[in-house]
Amino acid sequence: MNRLAALYDMEVEELLRHDLAPPGTSLVRTRGDLDWDPPTSVLLALSERTGVALGDVRRMTIAGQVPWLLDTLGPEPEPGAAFNTYVHQDSLLLTAKERHHRPVSGWRAWMPASGPLRRACRHCMATAPAFTVVSQLPLTLSCPEHGCTLTPTIGAAGTFLGWGPADTTVPAPSEAVTAMDRRTHQGLRMGAVTLPRRPVHVGVWFRLLRTLIDELSTPYSKLRIRSRRTMDQIWQTTGHPVRAGFVGHWRCYEALPWPKQQMFLEAAATALDLIEAGDVAGHGTLAQLLTPEPHRPVPDGTPPVPTPRNYWKEAREARNDAIALAQEDPAAARQLLSALTALTHSETIFQSIRENLISAGIPDDHLPPTRAQTHLPKTRTGSDTTVTY
């Protein structure tokens, strides 16, 4: 809306009043309402004038991210229950026994109590001066397009007047922060986040991240010795004091000033990186999502049962082959008759078998007429001797 208004040399309120709000429509009170939950009539007008689908326009608002980014914009069904439902349903670093439920009245996930944050990417502001919805929430630390750290700005809601104090140094985001923010922006664009174990719905990712931040803020008096050592390792690697410097009491993340929120986001990115690298063990219900699927050897299985050999079928096939050969070859015919009558001394049986072979298509002249002629010894005459075999 800021960019559209600037093209016509107008203020956003003027563009809304004279061009986008149908007669009788209640105007948005502040520019922040545009990012929060603008009237449907304004979204319809924007969709018609820009050619962008209504669903895509609505997803540019906080209301368009319900119930994935937060459960609801309306009143809680039960006072104080929203926090426990969102943050305490699962765990990541800690066991369930170390998670202490606490009611937080009027709580909305990721919505800063002091109002929208004023952070922006220097490269983006040089070409298109406008605040994205995500940059106004304590949800990310870097620009998804340029990879640089979002820098605090000076200005009223929806306007940019300049950058923060000149002596403020903004270091480049760490690899852990870049990896965490990349997943967040992937979830906002695609609706799913790719984790080492498997892809998860973006709603799972937002709750995993918010649960991790809450675990990092747990007072040490509530933790076991093992968990204290884990927290010490995470905060020491991050480079910030434990629990961002808070001692004893607990404060809700959304109610913290931005510098403290920034520390918690950096600690969360460090914890995710350490868990994935195997340097820190997660003991919660969601921890397995950050580790690769373990190798599980699969046995070769049961060898296939061989098909029983059908000897009768083989015999029939051999018989048919022998008959077919005997129909063409006299020698094969004599050999077949000899094999079939080898165990009989009866001429009657011999003649019966011979007739059966003739009935099977073997020519009569291929078969010896009597049994005696079938079993006569063969002789071979040489020049000097006669051999019988």
Protein backbone atom coordinates (compact mmCIF):
# COMPACT_ATOMS: atom_id res chain seq x y z
CA MET A 1 0.00 0.00 0.00
CA ASN A 2 2.89 2.37 0.69
CA ARG A 3 4.37 1.66 -2.73
CA LEU A 4 1.02 2.07 -4.50
CA ALA A 5 0.30 5.35 -2.72
CA ALA A 6 3.76 6.69 -3.57
CA LEU A 7 3.15 6.08 -7.30
CA TYR A 8 0.19 8.52 -7.17
CA ASP A 9 1.94 10.96 -4.82
CA MET A 10 -0.66 10.21 -2.15
CA GLU A 11 -0.75 9.18 1.46
CA VAL A 12 -2.00 5.68 2.24
CA GLU A 13 -5.04 7.14 4.04
CA GLU A 14 -5.94 9.17 0.94
CA LEU A 15 -5.63 6.14 -1.31
CA LEU A 16 -7.90 4.18 1.01
CA ARG A 17 -10.50 6.91 1.42
CA HIS A 18 -10.83 7.98 -2.20
CA ASP A 19 -10.04 4.88 -4.21
CA LEU A 20 -10.20 1.57 -2.35
CA ALA A 21 -12.91 1.87 0.28
CA PRO A 22 -16.45 1.51 -1.15
CA PRO A 23 -19.03 4.07 0.08
CA GLY A 24 -20.23 3.31 3.57
CA THR A 25 -17.17 1.20 4.45
CA SER A 26 -15.54 1.93 7.78
CA LEU A 27 -11.99 3.05 7.03
CA VAL A 28 -8.96 1.49 8.60
CA ARG A 29 -8.02 3.47 11.65
CA THR A 30 -4.24 3.16 11.32
CA ARG A 31 -1.75 1.83 8.85
CA GLY A 32 -1.07 -0.99 11.30
CA ASP A 33 -4.64 -2.21 10.78
CA LEU A 34 -3.78 -2.90 7.14
CA ASP A 35 -1.19 -5.44 8.21
CA TRP A 36 -3.39 -6.81 11.01
CA ASP A 37 -6.91 -7.47 9.67
CA PRO A 38 -8.14 -4.99 7.01
CA PRO A 39 -11.81 -4.95 5.90
CA THR A 40 -12.69 -7.54 3.27
CA SER A 41 -13.98 -4.77 0.98
CA VAL A 42 -10.50 -3.19 0.89
CA LEU A 43 -8.90 -6.55 0.08
CA LEU A 44 -11.47 -7.14 -2.70
CA ALA A 45 -10.75 -3.72 -4.20
CA LEU A 46 -6.99 -4.36 -4.05
CA SER A 47 -7.45 -7.74 -5.71
CA GLU A 48 -9.57 -6.29 -8.52
CA ARG A 49 -7.26 -3.33 -9.18
CA THR A 50 -3.96 -5.23 -9.03
CA GLY A 51 -4.99 -8.57 -10.53
CA VAL A 52 -3.62 -10.43 -7.52
CA ALA A 53 -5.83 -13.25 -6.23
CA LEU A 54 -7.83 -12.36 -3.13
CA GLY A 55 -6.31 -15.25 -1.16
CA ASP A 56 -2.78 -14.03 -1.95
CA VAL A 57 -3.64 -10.48 -0.86
CA ARG A 58 -5.12 -11.74 2.41
CA ARG A 59 -2.04 -13.86 3.13
CA MET A 60 -0.04 -10.61 3.18
CA THR A 61 -1.84 -9.77 6.45
CA ILE A 62 -1.66 -11.27 9.93
CA ALA A 63 -5.26 -12.45 9.63
CA GLY A 64 -4.29 -14.37 6.51
CA GLN A 65 -1.82 -16.40 8.57
CA VAL A 66 -4.44 -17.71 11.02
CA PRO A 67 -4.39 -20.46 12.28
CA TRP A 68 -0.79 -21.26 11.25
CA LEU A 69 1.18 -18.31 12.66
CA LEU A 70 -1.24 -17.85 15.58
CA ASP A 71 -4.39 -19.70 16.57
CA THR A 72 -6.91 -16.87 16.40
CA LEU A 73 -7.32 -13.10 16.29
CA GLY A 74 -10.47 -13.23 18.39
CA PRO A 75 -10.86 -13.60 22.14
CA GLU A 76 -9.51 -16.74 23.81
CA PRO A 77 -12.08 -19.50 24.35
CA GLU A 78 -10.64 -19.85 27.85
CA PRO A 79 -8.62 -17.03 29.45
CA GLY A 80 -4.92 -17.88 29.55
CA ALA A 81 -5.32 -21.17 27.65
CA ALA A 82 -3.90 -19.97 24.30
CA PHE A 83 -0.32 -19.86 25.59
CA ASN A 84 -0.35 -23.40 26.95
CA THR A 85 -2.02 -24.75 23.81
CA TYR A 86 0.53 -23.12 21.50
CA VAL A 87 3.74 -23.42 23.54
CA HIS A 88 3.30 -26.39 25.86
CA GLN A 89 1.69 -29.03 23.68
CA ASP A 90 5.16 -30.27 22.70
CA SER A 91 8.79 -29.88 23.75
CA LEU A 92 12.19 -29.86 22.11
CA LEU A 93 15.13 -29.62 24.51
CA LEU A 94 13.40 -30.49 27.76
CA THR A 95 11.34 -33.40 28.99
CA ALA A 96 7.65 -32.97 29.70
CA LYS A 97 8.33 -32.96 33.46
CA GLU A 98 10.54 -29.87 33.10
CA ARG A 99 7.86 -27.89 31.26
CA HIS A 100 5.76 -25.85 33.68
CA HIS A 101 2.42 -24.65 32.35
CA ARG A 102 1.59 -21.06 33.08
CA PRO A 103 -1.47 -19.04 31.99
CA VAL A 104 -0.75 -15.84 30.04
CA SER A 105 -3.92 -13.80 29.61
CA GLY A 106 -4.51 -11.98 26.32
CA TRP A 107 -1.50 -13.64 24.70
CA ARG A 108 -1.08 -13.91 20.93
CA ALA A 109 1.87 -15.76 19.42
CA TRP A 110 4.60 -13.57 17.92
CA MET A 111 2.60 -10.33 18.34
CA PRO A 112 4.89 -7.84 20.15
CA ALA A 113 3.14 -6.23 23.11
CA SER A 114 4.73 -2.84 22.35
CA GLY A 115 3.43 -2.75 18.77
CA PRO A 116 4.98 -3.64 15.38
CA LEU A 117 8.75 -3.66 15.18
CA ARG A 118 10.49 -1.16 12.95
CA ARG A 119 13.17 -3.20 11.13
CA ALA A 120 14.07 -3.33 7.48
CA CYS A 121 16.68 -4.46 4.98
CA ARG A 122 18.92 -1.64 3.77
CA HIS A 123 19.01 -3.07 0.24
CA CYS A 124 15.23 -3.45 0.05
CA MET A 125 14.62 0.07 1.37
CA ALA A 126 16.91 1.51 -1.31
CA THR A 127 14.60 0.23 -4.06
CA ALA A 128 11.15 -0.16 -2.45
CA PRO A 129 10.80 1.62 0.92
CA ALA A 130 8.19 -0.46 2.75
CA PHE A 131 8.00 -2.72 5.77
CA THR A 132 7.08 -6.35 5.24
CA VAL A 133 4.71 -7.99 7.70
CA VAL A 134 7.37 -10.49 8.80
CA SER A 135 9.91 -7.74 9.53
CA GLN A 136 7.44 -6.21 12.00
CA LEU A 137 7.30 -9.42 14.06
CA PRO A 138 10.00 -10.89 16.34
CA LEU A 139 10.10 -13.95 14.11
CA THR A 140 13.18 -13.52 11.90
CA LEU A 141 16.51 -11.72 11.98
CA SER A 142 17.54 -11.49 8.32
CA CYS A 143 16.22 -10.50 4.88
CA PRO A 144 15.20 -13.54 2.80
CA GLU A 145 16.32 -11.93 -0.45
CA HIS A 146 19.66 -10.35 0.47
CA GLY A 147 20.61 -12.39 3.55
CA CYS A 148 21.62 -9.32 5.57
CA THR A 149 20.51 -8.52 9.12
CA LEU A 150 17.32 -6.50 9.48
CA THR A 151 18.27 -3.06 10.81
CA PRO A 152 16.21 -0.95 13.28
CA THR A 153 14.69 2.15 11.72
CA ILE A 154 13.24 5.48 12.82
CA GLY A 155 9.70 6.44 11.85
CA ALA A 156 6.03 6.19 12.66
CA ALA A 157 3.85 3.18 11.88
CA GLY A 158 4.17 2.32 8.22
CA THR A 159 6.60 5.15 7.46
CA PHE A 160 10.36 5.21 7.12
CA LEU A 161 12.30 8.27 8.18
CA GLY A 162 15.79 6.88 8.63
CA TRP A 163 17.96 4.25 10.21
CA GLY A 164 18.68 3.86 13.90
CA PRO A 165 21.58 5.50 15.72
CA ALA A 166 24.59 5.92 13.44
CA ASP A 167 26.93 4.19 15.85
CA THR A 168 24.78 1.04 15.89
CA THR A 169 26.72 -1.83 14.32
CA VAL A 170 24.74 -4.54 12.62
CA PRO A 171 26.85 -7.66 12.08
CA ALA A 172 26.01 -10.16 9.35
CA PRO A 173 23.74 -12.99 10.49
CA SER A 174 25.38 -16.27 11.44
CA GLU A 175 24.92 -19.40 9.34
CA ALA A 176 22.63 -20.78 12.03
CA VAL A 177 20.42 -17.67 11.90
CA THR A 178 20.33 -17.73 8.10
CA ALA A 179 19.31 -21.41 8.12
CA MET A 180 16.53 -20.78 10.67
CA ASP A 181 15.16 -17.75 8.79
CA ARG A 182 15.35 -19.62 5.48
CA ARG A 183 13.01 -22.25 6.89
CA THR A 184 10.63 -19.63 8.25
CA HIS A 185 10.35 -17.89 4.89
CA GLN A 186 10.02 -21.25 3.13
CA GLY A 187 7.07 -22.04 5.39
CA LEU A 188 5.42 -18.67 4.70
CA ARG A 189 5.79 -19.16 0.94
CA MET A 190 5.14 -22.87 0.56
CA GLY A 191 3.11 -23.84 3.65
CA ALA A 192 5.67 -26.48 4.66
CA VAL A 193 9.19 -26.53 6.10
CA THR A 194 11.87 -29.07 5.19
CA LEU A 195 13.51 -30.54 8.30
CA PRO A 196 16.20 -33.27 8.48
CA ARG A 197 13.70 -36.02 9.36
CA ARG A 198 10.80 -34.98 7.10
CA PRO A 199 8.84 -31.95 5.86
CA VAL A 200 6.39 -30.48 8.39
CA HIS A 201 3.47 -28.07 8.12
CA VAL A 202 4.41 -24.44 8.68
CA GLY A 203 2.15 -24.40 11.76
CA VAL A 204 4.32 -27.11 13.33
CA TRP A 205 7.45 -25.09 12.57
CA PHE A 206 6.10 -21.89 14.21
CA ARG A 207 5.12 -23.83 17.32
CA LEU A 208 8.44 -25.68 17.44
CA LEU A 209 10.31 -22.37 17.27
CA ARG A 210 8.14 -20.67 19.91
CA THR A 211 8.41 -23.73 22.19
CA LEU A 212 12.20 -23.63 21.88
CA ILE A 213 12.30 -19.94 22.84
CA ASP A 214 10.17 -20.66 25.90
CA GLU A 215 12.49 -23.51 26.93
CA LEU A 216 15.50 -21.21 26.58
CA SER A 217 13.84 -18.78 29.00
CA THR A 218 13.11 -21.42 31.69
CA PRO A 219 14.58 -20.49 35.10
CA TYR A 220 17.46 -22.77 36.06
CA SER A 221 15.74 -23.67 39.33
CA LYS A 222 13.19 -25.63 37.27
CA LEU A 223 15.78 -27.60 35.30
CA ARG A 224 17.67 -30.82 35.91
CA ILE A 225 21.46 -30.75 35.94
CA ARG A 226 21.65 -32.27 32.46
CA SER A 227 19.35 -29.58 31.05
CA ARG A 228 21.33 -26.80 32.76
CA ARG A 229 24.48 -28.00 31.05
CA THR A 230 22.66 -28.02 27.72
CA MET A 231 21.45 -24.45 28.25
CA ASP A 232 24.92 -23.31 29.26
CA GLN A 233 26.37 -24.78 26.06
CA ILE A 234 23.74 -23.13 23.85
CA TRP A 235 24.02 -19.66 25.39
CA GLN A 236 27.82 -19.83 25.52
CA THR A 237 27.94 -20.76 21.81
CA THR A 238 25.51 -17.94 21.00
CA GLY A 239 27.67 -15.41 22.80
CA HIS A 240 24.92 -13.94 25.01
CA PRO A 241 24.32 -14.26 28.76
CA VAL A 242 22.11 -17.13 29.86
CA ARG A 243 18.40 -16.36 29.39
CA ALA A 244 19.42 -13.06 27.73
CA GLY A 245 20.50 -11.75 31.11
CA PHE A 246 17.30 -12.44 33.07
CA VAL A 247 17.84 -13.87 36.53
CA GLY A 248 15.16 -15.67 38.49
CA HIS A 249 11.85 -14.34 37.19
CA TRP A 250 10.24 -15.33 33.90
CA ARG A 251 8.92 -12.93 31.28
CA CYS A 252 6.88 -13.70 28.18
CA TYR A 253 8.87 -13.39 24.96
CA GLU A 254 6.33 -11.13 23.23
CA ALA A 255 6.53 -8.65 26.11
CA LEU A 256 10.33 -8.28 25.94
CA PRO A 257 12.09 -5.33 24.30
CA TRP A 258 13.51 -6.06 20.86
CA PRO A 259 17.20 -6.38 21.92
CA LYS A 260 16.19 -9.22 24.30
CA GLN A 261 14.01 -10.85 21.65
CA GLN A 262 16.94 -10.72 19.25
CA MET A 263 19.11 -12.60 21.76
CA PHE A 264 16.47 -15.31 22.14
CA LEU A 265 16.11 -15.71 18.37
CA GLU A 266 19.88 -16.07 18.00
CA ALA A 267 19.94 -18.61 20.84
CA ALA A 268 17.09 -20.54 19.17
CA ALA A 269 19.03 -20.64 15.88
CA THR A 270 22.13 -21.85 17.74
CA ALA A 271 20.15 -24.58 19.53
CA LEU A 272 18.66 -25.83 16.26
CA ASP A 273 22.12 -25.95 14.70
CA LEU A 274 23.64 -27.82 17.66
CA ILE A 275 20.84 -30.38 17.72
CA GLU A 276 21.18 -31.06 13.99
CA ALA A 277 24.96 -31.41 14.32
CA GLY A 278 24.53 -33.89 17.17
CA ASP A 279 26.36 -31.65 19.67
CA VAL A 280 23.25 -31.22 21.81
CA ALA A 281 20.62 -33.83 22.53
CA GLY A 282 16.96 -32.89 22.46
CA HIS A 283 14.75 -34.83 24.87
CA GLY A 284 11.38 -33.45 23.78
CA THR A 285 8.62 -34.76 21.55
CA LEU A 286 9.74 -32.70 18.53
CA ALA A 287 13.49 -33.29 18.82
CA GLN A 288 13.52 -36.21 16.38
CA LEU A 289 12.42 -33.88 13.57
CA LEU A 290 15.85 -32.21 13.68
CA THR A 291 17.87 -35.41 13.33
CA PRO A 292 18.15 -37.57 10.20
CA GLU A 293 16.27 -40.83 10.00
CA PRO A 294 18.53 -43.45 11.64
CA HIS A 295 19.81 -46.30 9.51
CA ARG A 296 17.70 -49.38 10.10
CA PRO A 297 19.10 -52.54 8.44
CA VAL A 298 16.44 -54.39 6.55
CA PRO A 299 16.78 -58.22 6.44
CA ASP A 300 16.79 -59.95 3.10
CA GLY A 301 13.50 -61.55 3.96
CA THR A 302 12.29 -65.12 3.59
CA PRO A 303 13.68 -66.89 0.51
CA PRO A 304 10.98 -67.66 -2.03
CA VAL A 305 9.52 -71.17 -1.82
CA PRO A 306 10.51 -73.11 -4.96
CA THR A 307 7.70 -74.42 -7.10
CA PRO A 308 7.37 -78.23 -6.63
CA ARG A 309 8.67 -80.14 -9.61
CA ASN A 310 5.92 -81.86 -11.65
CA TYR A 311 7.52 -85.08 -12.74
CA TRP A 312 4.38 -86.41 -14.46
CA LYS A 313 4.17 -83.27 -16.56
CA GLU A 314 7.81 -83.65 -17.55
CA ALA A 315 7.20 -87.31 -18.45
CA ARG A 316 4.24 -86.42 -20.66
CA GLU A 317 6.23 -83.72 -22.41
CA ALA A 318 9.15 -86.13 -22.95
CA ARG A 319 6.75 -88.73 -24.34
CA ASN A 320 5.22 -86.28 -26.78
CA ASP A 321 8.68 -85.15 -27.90
CA ALA A 322 9.78 -88.76 -28.44
CA ILE A 323 6.67 -89.56 -30.50
CA ALA A 324 7.12 -86.45 -32.62
CA LEU A 325 10.74 -87.43 -33.31
CA ALA A 326 9.78 -91.04 -34.07
CA GLN A 327 7.25 -89.89 -36.67
CA GLU A 328 10.12 -88.44 -38.68
CA ASP A 329 13.10 -90.65 -37.81
CA PRO A 330 12.96 -94.49 -38.17
CA ALA A 331 15.94 -94.95 -35.86
CA ALA A 332 14.19 -92.90 -33.18
CA ALA A 333 11.03 -94.98 -33.71
CA ARG A 334 12.90 -98.27 -33.21
CA GLN A 335 14.65 -96.87 -30.13
CA LEU A 336 11.32 -95.76 -28.63
CA LEU A 337 9.70 -99.15 -29.24
CA SER A 338 12.74 -100.91 -27.80
CA ALA A 339 12.62 -98.78 -24.64
CA LEU A 340 8.91 -99.40 -24.13
CA THR A 341 9.22 -103.20 -24.58
CA ALA A 342 12.54 -103.78 -22.88
CA LEU A 343 10.99 -105.28 -19.76
CA THR A 344 8.53 -107.62 -21.49
CA HIS A 345 9.09 -111.05 -23.06
CA SER A 346 5.54 -111.36 -24.35
CA GLU A 347 4.98 -111.01 -28.08
CA THR A 348 1.36 -110.12 -27.41
CA ILE A 349 2.32 -107.18 -25.23
CA PHE A 350 4.97 -106.15 -27.78
CA GLN A 351 2.40 -106.07 -30.57
CA SER A 352 -0.05 -104.10 -28.38
CA ILE A 353 2.59 -101.44 -27.67
CA ARG A 354 3.55 -101.35 -31.36
CA GLU A 355 -0.09 -100.78 -32.35
CA ASN A 356 -0.35 -97.95 -29.80
CA LEU A 357 2.65 -96.22 -31.36
CA ILE A 358 1.17 -96.58 -34.82
CA SER A 359 -2.09 -95.11 -33.48
CA ALA A 360 -0.01 -92.18 -32.17
CA GLY A 361 1.07 -91.38 -35.75
CA ILE A 362 4.33 -93.29 -36.11
CA PRO A 363 4.53 -94.91 -39.58
CA ASP A 364 4.29 -98.72 -39.61
CA ASP A 365 7.49 -99.16 -41.61
CA HIS A 366 9.45 -97.23 -38.94
CA LEU A 367 8.76 -100.00 -36.41
CA PRO A 368 10.14 -103.59 -36.37
CA PRO A 369 7.28 -106.09 -37.00
CA THR A 370 8.29 -108.51 -34.19
CA ARG A 371 9.93 -108.38 -30.82
CA ALA A 372 12.78 -110.61 -31.98
CA GLN A 373 13.74 -108.19 -34.69
CA THR A 374 13.68 -105.29 -32.21
CA HIS A 375 16.19 -106.93 -29.84
CA LEU A 376 18.47 -108.61 -32.42
CA PRO A 377 22.13 -107.95 -31.76
CA LYS A 378 23.82 -105.70 -34.26
CA THR A 379 26.96 -106.99 -36.08
CA ARG A 380 29.78 -105.15 -37.68
CA THR A 381 31.86 -107.01 -40.25
CA GLY A 382 35.46 -106.07 -40.76
CA SER A 383 38.04 -107.29 -43.27
CA ASP A 384 39.33 -110.01 -41.02
CA THR A 385 36.91 -110.36 -38.03
CA THR A 386 33.22 -110.12 -37.19
CA VAL A 387 32.31 -108.32 -33.95
CA THR A 388 28.96 -108.87 -32.20
CA TYR A 389 27.72 -106.30 -29.63
